């Protein structure tokens, strides 16, 4: 059931956007025709729906290393209020436990595991409550024959995510190997959904080369830009969504975002996957959404903004709207 996928990007840093402002230079010509499609991604199934090939329910043991190990996501459980410090108002802390079991007859070093949780129809990325305890940074652990080790990850999700589906990607990397095996689990978060889990608006009309912010163009969507702060410290933020319409995992969002402001298209910022956000693999037939932040020139607020989403192959999709 496990799937091997070679990562084409360097090791991803902690989630969140790193700002690279004022970058100069030009990109190569688009490789795609730029014509958007008119459909948004298919809706994610409810927890009672049969899952696509390659995704299993929590509690299922998946083999790693040709059966030398099994990895099981025990589930995502909500923690009592106050159990984790620093959780913002309107959000709650959850714990995800991953069990790695040694199936061999000798002591061995357990595979390292990195966990990414995405919730809801758009696959928003949950944040870690304490990145310093990330399972990806655990020291190698020795496991006795037929023994197992549990690794816990604390996550913070908004309260409106209760009852929504959550897709968990576990990247399991065996000792001495550079590439991980990808394991996908999906269930429903505890609680009852407060409102229907809807998709993004339909895409722009066919033949339109520039798509309004907030709509889909092909497999990419760039959300409207919001602005916070005052003066020179103003910060813009948007959501980048990428849908995987195949039965195979995608390496990740793999998309560089270029933000250009004003009529003269001043390059305000460039955010790349390796620097800007956690770029974990996307499960088959699922969508991933990541927040992207950047500094905003004070004079550009309220004016036009153009966002280019450039994939790993150089193909571009262009969105426009208003900054703030």
Foldseek 3Di string as FASTA:
>chain_A
DWAFDFFPDPDADAFAFDWDFQDDDDFDDFPDPLWFDFAAFDFDDAQPDDDFPQEAAAPDWDADPVNQKTKGWNDKAWDDPPPAPPADPQKTKIKIKMKIWGQDQAKFWFWQKAKWKFWFQQRETWHFSDCVLTSNPDDTDIAGHRGMDMRMTMTMDGPLRAFTKMKMWMFTGGPPDDTTIIHIYMHTHHDHHPDDRDTWHTWDDTPDNATAARYGGYQKHKHDWEWDDDDQQIKIKIKIKGWAAAQDKDQFPQKKKWKFFDPVRRTTTITGRRRTGPGHIDHHSGMHMGMGMYGDHNVRAQGKMKMWIAHPVGHIHIYIDHHD
